[in-house]
Amino acid sequence: MAGLGVTSLGAYMRKVAIDAYIINLDMTEIRALITLLRRCSANLNQYARRANETGSVYAADIGDLRVRLDEIWRETNGILTALAGVK
C-alpha cells in the first residue's frame, strides 16, 4: 500500500477499484500442460518399476517418453510466448 501512496485499507480499496486492471486468463493451455505432465510422470513411474523388477528398460519406452517430453516443451513454449504478450 505504501508504494501506491495510500495509508489506509479503505483508500487502497478505492484506488484499486478505480485504477486497477482486471486480467482474465485463459487457463486451458495450463490445464493441458498439467495433464501432459501427469501422464508423463505416470509413465516414468511405470518405467522405473519395470527397470527395478527386470533390470532393463526398453528403447520404445524411452522413445515414448521423449515424444511426450517434446510435446510438453512445445506447450510450455506456447504458454510462455502468450504470457510474454500480456501487458
N, C-alpha and C. Protein backbone atom coordinates (compact mmCIF):
# COMPACT_ATOMS: atom_id res chain seq x y z
N MET A 1 0.82 -1.19 0.00
CA MET A 1 0.00 0.00 0.00
C MET A 1 0.87 1.25 0.00
N ALA A 2 2.00 1.20 0.67
CA ALA A 2 2.85 2.38 0.74
C ALA A 2 3.39 2.75 -0.63
N GLY A 3 3.61 1.77 -1.48
CA GLY A 3 4.10 2.03 -2.82
C GLY A 3 3.09 2.77 -3.69
N LEU A 4 1.82 2.69 -3.33
CA LEU A 4 0.77 3.38 -4.08
C LEU A 4 0.45 4.75 -3.51
N GLY A 5 1.05 5.09 -2.40
CA GLY A 5 0.80 6.39 -1.79
C GLY A 5 -0.46 6.45 -0.95
N VAL A 6 -0.93 5.32 -0.47
CA VAL A 6 -2.11 5.29 0.39
C VAL A 6 -1.72 4.71 1.74
N THR A 7 -2.44 5.13 2.77
CA THR A 7 -2.09 4.68 4.11
C THR A 7 -3.15 3.81 4.76
N SER A 8 -4.36 3.81 4.25
CA SER A 8 -5.41 3.01 4.87
C SER A 8 -5.94 1.98 3.88
N LEU A 9 -6.53 0.95 4.43
CA LEU A 9 -7.08 -0.11 3.60
C LEU A 9 -8.23 0.42 2.74
N GLY A 10 -9.04 1.30 3.30
CA GLY A 10 -10.16 1.87 2.54
C GLY A 10 -9.68 2.66 1.34
N ALA A 11 -8.64 3.47 1.53
CA ALA A 11 -8.08 4.24 0.41
C ALA A 11 -7.48 3.32 -0.64
N TYR A 12 -6.85 2.26 -0.18
CA TYR A 12 -6.27 1.28 -1.11
C TYR A 12 -7.36 0.62 -1.93
N MET A 13 -8.45 0.21 -1.28
CA MET A 13 -9.56 -0.44 -1.99
C MET A 13 -10.18 0.50 -3.02
N ARG A 14 -10.34 1.78 -2.67
CA ARG A 14 -10.90 2.74 -3.63
C ARG A 14 -9.96 2.90 -4.82
N LYS A 15 -8.67 3.03 -4.55
CA LYS A 15 -7.69 3.21 -5.62
C LYS A 15 -7.68 2.00 -6.55
N VAL A 16 -7.70 0.82 -5.98
CA VAL A 16 -7.69 -0.40 -6.80
C VAL A 16 -8.98 -0.50 -7.61
N ALA A 17 -10.12 -0.16 -6.99
CA ALA A 17 -11.40 -0.24 -7.70
C ALA A 17 -11.44 0.71 -8.88
N ILE A 18 -10.78 1.85 -8.77
CA ILE A 18 -10.81 2.85 -9.84
C ILE A 18 -9.71 2.61 -10.87
N ASP A 19 -8.51 2.32 -10.41
CA ASP A 19 -7.35 2.31 -11.31
C ASP A 19 -6.85 0.93 -11.73
N ALA A 20 -7.30 -0.12 -11.10
CA ALA A 20 -6.70 -1.44 -11.35
C ALA A 20 -7.22 -2.05 -12.64
N TYR A 21 -6.43 -2.95 -13.16
CA TYR A 21 -6.80 -3.73 -14.34
C TYR A 21 -7.32 -5.08 -13.89
N ILE A 22 -8.27 -5.59 -14.64
CA ILE A 22 -8.76 -6.94 -14.40
C ILE A 22 -8.24 -7.79 -15.55
N ILE A 23 -7.51 -8.82 -15.21
CA ILE A 23 -6.94 -9.71 -16.22
C ILE A 23 -7.66 -11.04 -16.13
N ASN A 24 -8.25 -11.45 -17.24
CA ASN A 24 -8.93 -12.73 -17.31
C ASN A 24 -8.04 -13.67 -18.11
N LEU A 25 -7.44 -14.63 -17.45
CA LEU A 25 -6.52 -15.55 -18.10
C LEU A 25 -7.26 -16.79 -18.58
N ASP A 26 -6.93 -17.22 -19.79
CA ASP A 26 -7.44 -18.48 -20.32
C ASP A 26 -6.52 -19.59 -19.84
N MET A 27 -7.00 -20.42 -18.96
CA MET A 27 -6.16 -21.44 -18.33
C MET A 27 -6.21 -22.79 -19.04
N THR A 28 -6.82 -22.88 -20.22
CA THR A 28 -6.94 -24.17 -20.89
C THR A 28 -5.57 -24.74 -21.25
N GLU A 29 -4.64 -23.88 -21.67
CA GLU A 29 -3.31 -24.38 -22.02
C GLU A 29 -2.57 -24.87 -20.78
N ILE A 30 -2.75 -24.19 -19.67
CA ILE A 30 -2.12 -24.63 -18.42
C ILE A 30 -2.68 -25.98 -17.99
N ARG A 31 -4.00 -26.14 -18.12
CA ARG A 31 -4.61 -27.42 -17.76
C ARG A 31 -4.10 -28.54 -18.67
N ALA A 32 -3.95 -28.24 -19.96
CA ALA A 32 -3.42 -29.24 -20.89
C ALA A 32 -1.99 -29.61 -20.52
N LEU A 33 -1.21 -28.63 -20.13
CA LEU A 33 0.17 -28.88 -19.72
C LEU A 33 0.22 -29.75 -18.47
N ILE A 34 -0.64 -29.48 -17.52
CA ILE A 34 -0.70 -30.29 -16.29
C ILE A 34 -1.09 -31.73 -16.62
N THR A 35 -2.04 -31.90 -17.54
CA THR A 35 -2.43 -33.24 -17.95
C THR A 35 -1.26 -33.99 -18.57
N LEU A 36 -0.52 -33.31 -19.45
CA LEU A 36 0.65 -33.93 -20.07
C LEU A 36 1.70 -34.30 -19.04
N LEU A 37 1.92 -33.43 -18.07
CA LEU A 37 2.90 -33.72 -17.02
C LEU A 37 2.47 -34.93 -16.18
N ARG A 38 1.19 -35.04 -15.89
CA ARG A 38 0.70 -36.18 -15.12
C ARG A 38 0.89 -37.49 -15.88
N ARG A 39 0.56 -37.46 -17.18
CA ARG A 39 0.74 -38.66 -18.00
C ARG A 39 2.21 -39.06 -18.05
N CYS A 40 3.05 -38.07 -18.25
CA CYS A 40 4.49 -38.33 -18.36
C CYS A 40 5.03 -38.90 -17.06
N SER A 41 4.62 -38.35 -15.93
CA SER A 41 5.12 -38.85 -14.66
C SER A 41 4.59 -40.24 -14.36
N ALA A 42 3.35 -40.52 -14.76
CA ALA A 42 2.81 -41.87 -14.56
C ALA A 42 3.59 -42.88 -15.39
N ASN A 43 3.89 -42.52 -16.64
CA ASN A 43 4.68 -43.41 -17.49
C ASN A 43 6.07 -43.60 -16.92
N LEU A 44 6.67 -42.53 -16.44
CA LEU A 44 8.01 -42.63 -15.88
C LEU A 44 8.03 -43.55 -14.66
N ASN A 45 6.99 -43.48 -13.84
CA ASN A 45 6.90 -44.38 -12.69
C ASN A 45 6.79 -45.84 -13.14
N GLN A 46 6.02 -46.09 -14.19
CA GLN A 46 5.90 -47.45 -14.71
C GLN A 46 7.24 -47.95 -15.24
N TYR A 47 7.97 -47.08 -15.94
CA TYR A 47 9.28 -47.47 -16.47
C TYR A 47 10.25 -47.76 -15.33
N ALA A 48 10.19 -46.96 -14.28
CA ALA A 48 11.08 -47.18 -13.14
C ALA A 48 10.76 -48.50 -12.45
N ARG A 49 9.47 -48.81 -12.30
CA ARG A 49 9.09 -50.09 -11.71
C ARG A 49 9.60 -51.26 -12.54
N ARG A 50 9.41 -51.14 -13.87
CA ARG A 50 9.87 -52.21 -14.76
C ARG A 50 11.38 -52.36 -14.68
N ALA A 51 12.09 -51.23 -14.64
CA ALA A 51 13.56 -51.29 -14.57
C ALA A 51 14.00 -51.92 -13.25
N ASN A 52 13.31 -51.63 -12.17
CA ASN A 52 13.66 -52.22 -10.87
C ASN A 52 13.35 -53.72 -10.83
N GLU A 53 12.27 -54.13 -11.50
CA GLU A 53 11.88 -55.54 -11.49
C GLU A 53 12.74 -56.38 -12.43
N THR A 54 12.94 -55.88 -13.65
CA THR A 54 13.63 -56.69 -14.67
C THR A 54 15.08 -56.30 -14.86
N GLY A 55 15.44 -55.11 -14.44
CA GLY A 55 16.81 -54.65 -14.64
C GLY A 55 17.07 -54.06 -16.00
N SER A 56 16.01 -53.89 -16.82
CA SER A 56 16.21 -53.30 -18.15
C SER A 56 15.05 -52.38 -18.50
N VAL A 57 15.31 -51.48 -19.43
CA VAL A 57 14.31 -50.54 -19.93
C VAL A 57 14.31 -50.67 -21.45
N TYR A 58 13.13 -50.68 -22.04
CA TYR A 58 13.01 -50.83 -23.49
C TYR A 58 13.24 -49.50 -24.20
N ALA A 59 13.86 -49.57 -25.36
CA ALA A 59 14.13 -48.37 -26.15
C ALA A 59 12.83 -47.70 -26.58
N ALA A 60 11.79 -48.50 -26.84
CA ALA A 60 10.50 -47.93 -27.23
C ALA A 60 9.91 -47.09 -26.11
N ASP A 61 10.10 -47.53 -24.87
CA ASP A 61 9.61 -46.77 -23.72
C ASP A 61 10.32 -45.42 -23.61
N ILE A 62 11.62 -45.44 -23.82
CA ILE A 62 12.39 -44.19 -23.77
C ILE A 62 11.97 -43.27 -24.90
N GLY A 63 11.73 -43.84 -26.08
CA GLY A 63 11.26 -43.03 -27.22
C GLY A 63 9.91 -42.41 -26.95
N ASP A 64 9.01 -43.18 -26.34
CA ASP A 64 7.69 -42.66 -25.99
C ASP A 64 7.80 -41.52 -24.99
N LEU A 65 8.65 -41.69 -24.01
CA LEU A 65 8.86 -40.65 -23.00
C LEU A 65 9.45 -39.39 -23.64
N ARG A 66 10.37 -39.57 -24.56
CA ARG A 66 10.98 -38.43 -25.25
C ARG A 66 9.93 -37.67 -26.07
N VAL A 67 9.03 -38.39 -26.75
CA VAL A 67 7.96 -37.74 -27.52
C VAL A 67 7.06 -36.93 -26.59
N ARG A 68 6.70 -37.50 -25.47
CA ARG A 68 5.84 -36.79 -24.52
C ARG A 68 6.53 -35.56 -23.94
N LEU A 69 7.81 -35.68 -23.64
CA LEU A 69 8.54 -34.52 -23.11
C LEU A 69 8.67 -33.43 -24.17
N ASP A 70 8.85 -33.81 -25.43
CA ASP A 70 8.88 -32.81 -26.51
C ASP A 70 7.55 -32.09 -26.63
N GLU A 71 6.45 -32.83 -26.47
CA GLU A 71 5.13 -32.22 -26.51
C GLU A 71 4.93 -31.25 -25.34
N ILE A 72 5.39 -31.63 -24.17
CA ILE A 72 5.32 -30.74 -23.01
C ILE A 72 6.14 -29.48 -23.25
N TRP A 73 7.31 -29.64 -23.84
CA TRP A 73 8.17 -28.50 -24.13
C TRP A 73 7.50 -27.53 -25.10
N ARG A 74 6.84 -28.06 -26.14
CA ARG A 74 6.13 -27.20 -27.10
C ARG A 74 5.00 -26.44 -26.40
N GLU A 75 4.22 -27.14 -25.57
CA GLU A 75 3.14 -26.49 -24.83
C GLU A 75 3.68 -25.39 -23.92
N THR A 76 4.77 -25.67 -23.24
CA THR A 76 5.37 -24.69 -22.33
C THR A 76 5.84 -23.46 -23.10
N ASN A 77 6.47 -23.66 -24.23
CA ASN A 77 6.91 -22.52 -25.05
C ASN A 77 5.73 -21.69 -25.52
N GLY A 78 4.63 -22.35 -25.91
CA GLY A 78 3.44 -21.62 -26.32
C GLY A 78 2.86 -20.78 -25.20
N ILE A 79 2.82 -21.35 -24.01
CA ILE A 79 2.29 -20.62 -22.85
C ILE A 79 3.18 -19.43 -22.51
N LEU A 80 4.49 -19.65 -22.50
CA LEU A 80 5.41 -18.56 -22.18
C LEU A 80 5.34 -17.45 -23.22
N THR A 81 5.18 -17.81 -24.48
CA THR A 81 5.04 -16.80 -25.53
C THR A 81 3.76 -15.98 -25.33
N ALA A 82 2.67 -16.66 -25.00
CA ALA A 82 1.41 -15.96 -24.76
C ALA A 82 1.52 -15.05 -23.54
N LEU A 83 2.16 -15.52 -22.49
CA LEU A 83 2.31 -14.70 -21.29
C LEU A 83 3.23 -13.51 -21.53
N ALA A 84 4.19 -13.65 -22.42
CA ALA A 84 5.09 -12.53 -22.72
C ALA A 84 4.33 -11.39 -23.39
N GLY A 85 3.22 -11.71 -24.06
CA GLY A 85 2.43 -10.68 -24.73
C GLY A 85 1.45 -9.97 -23.81
N VAL A 86 1.27 -10.44 -22.58
CA VAL A 86 0.36 -9.80 -21.63
C VAL A 86 1.03 -8.56 -21.07
N LYS A 87 0.36 -7.44 -21.18
CA LYS A 87 0.90 -6.18 -20.66
C LYS A 87 -0.12 -5.48 -19.83
